[in-house]
């Protein structure tokens, strides 16, 4: 079912500054670059930058997403296993879809369908 760890999202107060710093530091340019999200392909994994501010509930920190071939099937699988849905499936652009569930122990568990990464 899971295709492996795909994405780690870092919350930054200014996405443009974060993009520039990570591009210099990682030595790669982003493959997805929008004001609401920047994604870098680093060795087959995604390092994402998302605006972090008090209104989003995030200041710093990281969220991780596990790859699935089909987001609805992945969500259904986790819900059937006893997870709780934290949000609806979101199409975040570029054919990429994400959703988060809460496992029975209170941990956030992210799923991502990203056609830009292999299986």
C-alpha atoms as a PDB file:
ATOM      1  CA  UNK A   1       0.000   0.000   0.000  1.00  0.00           C
ATOM      2  CA  UNK A   2       2.604   2.602   1.022  1.00  0.00           C
ATOM      3  CA  UNK A   3       5.253   3.496  -1.527  1.00  0.00           C
ATOM      4  CA  UNK A   4       7.704   4.835   1.034  1.00  0.00           C
ATOM      5  CA  UNK A   5       8.387   8.170   2.620  1.00  0.00           C
ATOM      6  CA  UNK A   6       7.975  10.858  -0.035  1.00  0.00           C
ATOM      7  CA  UNK A   7       7.735  14.340   1.441  1.00  0.00           C
ATOM      8  CA  UNK A   8       8.929  16.345   4.422  1.00  0.00           C
ATOM      9  CA  UNK A   9       7.350  19.796   4.675  1.00  0.00           C
ATOM     10  CA  UNK A  10       9.119  22.550   6.583  1.00  0.00           C
ATOM     11  CA  UNK A  11       7.170  25.596   7.738  1.00  0.00           C
ATOM     12  CA  UNK A  12       8.888  28.915   7.048  1.00  0.00           C
ATOM     13  CA  UNK A  13       7.718  32.466   7.807  1.00  0.00           C
ATOM     14  CA  UNK A  14       8.594  33.695   4.284  1.00  0.00           C
ATOM     15  CA  UNK A  15       8.359  31.180   1.431  1.00  0.00           C
ATOM     16  CA  UNK A  16      10.488  33.226  -0.996  1.00  0.00           C
ATOM     17  CA  UNK A  17      13.316  33.593   1.529  1.00  0.00           C
ATOM     18  CA  UNK A  18      13.011  29.909   2.408  1.00  0.00           C
ATOM     19  CA  UNK A  19      13.099  28.947  -1.279  1.00  0.00           C
ATOM     20  CA  UNK A  20      16.234  30.987  -1.896  1.00  0.00           C
ATOM     21  CA  UNK A  21      18.020  29.666   1.192  1.00  0.00           C
ATOM     22  CA  UNK A  22      17.154  26.021   0.506  1.00  0.00           C
ATOM     23  CA  UNK A  23      18.052  26.340  -3.208  1.00  0.00           C
ATOM     24  CA  UNK A  24      21.518  27.615  -2.252  1.00  0.00           C
ATOM     25  CA  UNK A  25      21.933  25.105   0.562  1.00  0.00           C
ATOM     26  CA  UNK A  26      20.665  22.048  -1.337  1.00  0.00           C
ATOM     27  CA  UNK A  27      22.245  23.020  -4.655  1.00  0.00           C
ATOM     28  CA  UNK A  28      19.013  22.374  -6.583  1.00  0.00           C
ATOM     29  CA  UNK A  29      16.202  24.542  -7.877  1.00  0.00           C
ATOM     30  CA  UNK A  30      12.578  23.803  -6.944  1.00  0.00           C
ATOM     31  CA  UNK A  31      10.453  21.740  -9.319  1.00  0.00           C
ATOM     32  CA  UNK A  32       7.287  23.421  -7.935  1.00  0.00           C
ATOM     33  CA  UNK A  33       7.433  27.107  -7.034  1.00  0.00           C
ATOM     34  CA  UNK A  34       4.303  28.966  -5.970  1.00  0.00           C
ATOM     35  CA  UNK A  35       3.703  31.571  -3.237  1.00  0.00           C
ATOM     36  CA  UNK A  36       1.753  28.971  -1.227  1.00  0.00           C
ATOM     37  CA  UNK A  37       4.254  26.093  -1.566  1.00  0.00           C
ATOM     38  CA  UNK A  38       7.723  25.331  -2.898  1.00  0.00           C
ATOM     39  CA  UNK A  39       8.862  21.762  -3.614  1.00  0.00           C
ATOM     40  CA  UNK A  40      12.402  20.472  -4.181  1.00  0.00           C
ATOM     41  CA  UNK A  41      13.271  17.007  -5.516  1.00  0.00           C
ATOM     42  CA  UNK A  42      16.199  15.920  -3.360  1.00  0.00           C
ATOM     43  CA  UNK A  43      17.472  12.452  -4.195  1.00  0.00           C
ATOM     44  CA  UNK A  44      14.014  11.223  -5.155  1.00  0.00           C
ATOM     45  CA  UNK A  45      12.322  12.704  -2.090  1.00  0.00           C
ATOM     46  CA  UNK A  46      10.524  15.988  -1.690  1.00  0.00           C
ATOM     47  CA  UNK A  47      11.561  18.748   0.650  1.00  0.00           C
ATOM     48  CA  UNK A  48       8.643  21.158   0.711  1.00  0.00           C
ATOM     49  CA  UNK A  49       8.313  24.659   2.101  1.00  0.00           C
ATOM     50  CA  UNK A  50       4.960  25.903   3.362  1.00  0.00           C
ATOM     51  CA  UNK A  51       4.154  29.285   4.886  1.00  0.00           C
ATOM     52  CA  UNK A  52       4.231  29.014   8.653  1.00  0.00           C
ATOM     53  CA  UNK A  53       2.474  31.697  10.629  1.00  0.00           C
ATOM     54  CA  UNK A  54       0.293  31.901  13.713  1.00  0.00           C
ATOM     55  CA  UNK A  55      -2.881  31.855  11.588  1.00  0.00           C
ATOM     56  CA  UNK A  56      -1.905  28.519  10.023  1.00  0.00           C
ATOM     57  CA  UNK A  57      -1.192  26.974  13.400  1.00  0.00           C
ATOM     58  CA  UNK A  58       2.402  26.221  12.442  1.00  0.00           C
ATOM     59  CA  UNK A  59       5.604  27.982  13.445  1.00  0.00           C
ATOM     60  CA  UNK A  60       8.506  25.894  12.384  1.00  0.00           C
ATOM     61  CA  UNK A  61       8.307  22.142  12.535  1.00  0.00           C
ATOM     62  CA  UNK A  62       7.938  19.392   9.966  1.00  0.00           C
ATOM     63  CA  UNK A  63       5.131  17.256   8.528  1.00  0.00           C
ATOM     64  CA  UNK A  64       5.878  14.060   6.623  1.00  0.00           C
ATOM     65  CA  UNK A  65       3.857  12.414   3.888  1.00  0.00           C
ATOM     66  CA  UNK A  66       3.954   8.777   2.776  1.00  0.00           C
ATOM     67  CA  UNK A  67       3.439   8.059  -0.917  1.00  0.00           C
ATOM     68  CA  UNK A  68       0.389   6.215  -2.202  1.00  0.00           C
ATOM     69  CA  UNK A  69      -0.573   5.341  -5.775  1.00  0.00           C
ATOM     70  CA  UNK A  70      -4.151   6.583  -5.323  1.00  0.00           C
ATOM     71  CA  UNK A  71      -5.050   9.017  -2.554  1.00  0.00           C
ATOM     72  CA  UNK A  72      -8.691   7.960  -2.034  1.00  0.00           C
ATOM     73  CA  UNK A  73      -7.755   4.274  -1.734  1.00  0.00           C
ATOM     74  CA  UNK A  74      -4.997   5.194   0.726  1.00  0.00           C
ATOM     75  CA  UNK A  75      -7.365   7.283   2.823  1.00  0.00           C
ATOM     76  CA  UNK A  76     -10.007   4.548   2.792  1.00  0.00           C
ATOM     77  CA  UNK A  77      -7.415   2.000   3.923  1.00  0.00           C
ATOM     78  CA  UNK A  78      -6.336   4.093   6.913  1.00  0.00           C
ATOM     79  CA  UNK A  79      -9.904   4.962   7.910  1.00  0.00           C
ATOM     80  CA  UNK A  80     -10.850   1.257   7.812  1.00  0.00           C
ATOM     81  CA  UNK A  81      -7.867   0.541  10.080  1.00  0.00           C
ATOM     82  CA  UNK A  82      -9.172   2.981  12.704  1.00  0.00           C
ATOM     83  CA  UNK A  83      -7.574   6.309  11.760  1.00  0.00           C
ATOM     84  CA  UNK A  84      -9.595   9.554  11.854  1.00  0.00           C
ATOM     85  CA  UNK A  85      -9.690  11.966   8.922  1.00  0.00           C
ATOM     86  CA  UNK A  86      -8.222  15.376   9.821  1.00  0.00           C
ATOM     87  CA  UNK A  87      -9.045  17.038   6.505  1.00  0.00           C
ATOM     88  CA  UNK A  88     -10.564  16.387   3.120  1.00  0.00           C
ATOM     89  CA  UNK A  89      -8.297  15.347   0.253  1.00  0.00           C
ATOM     90  CA  UNK A  90      -6.672  18.475  -1.144  1.00  0.00           C
ATOM     91  CA  UNK A  91      -5.493  18.973  -4.707  1.00  0.00           C
ATOM     92  CA  UNK A  92      -2.462  21.203  -4.158  1.00  0.00           C
ATOM     93  CA  UNK A  93      -1.620  21.695  -7.847  1.00  0.00           C
ATOM     94  CA  UNK A  94       0.492  19.920 -10.410  1.00  0.00           C
ATOM     95  CA  UNK A  95      -1.538  16.718 -10.036  1.00  0.00           C
ATOM     96  CA  UNK A  96      -0.455  16.371  -6.403  1.00  0.00           C
ATOM     97  CA  UNK A  97      -3.036  15.396  -3.772  1.00  0.00           C
ATOM     98  CA  UNK A  98      -2.585  15.199   0.002  1.00  0.00           C
ATOM     99  CA  UNK A  99      -4.596  14.230   3.058  1.00  0.00           C
ATOM    100  CA  UNK A 100      -3.837  13.797   6.747  1.00  0.00           C
ATOM    101  CA  UNK A 101      -5.282  11.328   9.208  1.00  0.00           C
ATOM    102  CA  UNK A 102      -4.850  10.934  12.927  1.00  0.00           C
ATOM    103  CA  UNK A 103      -3.718   7.491  14.017  1.00  0.00           C
ATOM    104  CA  UNK A 104      -5.312   5.869  17.109  1.00  0.00           C
ATOM    105  CA  UNK A 105      -2.405   7.193  19.198  1.00  0.00           C
ATOM    106  CA  UNK A 106      -2.820  10.886  18.324  1.00  0.00           C
ATOM    107  CA  UNK A 107      -0.128  11.126  15.616  1.00  0.00           C
ATOM    108  CA  UNK A 108      -0.649  12.964  12.323  1.00  0.00           C
ATOM    109  CA  UNK A 109      -0.047  10.677   9.345  1.00  0.00           C
ATOM    110  CA  UNK A 110       0.168  12.301   5.911  1.00  0.00           C
ATOM    111  CA  UNK A 111      -0.533  10.606   2.580  1.00  0.00           C
ATOM    112  CA  UNK A 112       0.512  12.024  -0.785  1.00  0.00           C
ATOM    113  CA  UNK A 113      -0.264  11.074  -4.380  1.00  0.00           C
ATOM    114  CA  UNK A 114       2.469  12.756  -6.402  1.00  0.00           C
ATOM    115  CA  UNK A 115       2.824  11.863 -10.097  1.00  0.00           C
ATOM    116  CA  UNK A 116       6.211  13.654 -10.185  1.00  0.00           C
ATOM    117  CA  UNK A 117       7.817  10.817  -8.198  1.00  0.00           C
ATOM    118  CA  UNK A 118       8.152   7.181  -9.242  1.00  0.00           C
ATOM    119  CA  UNK A 119       6.676   4.249  -7.388  1.00  0.00           C
END
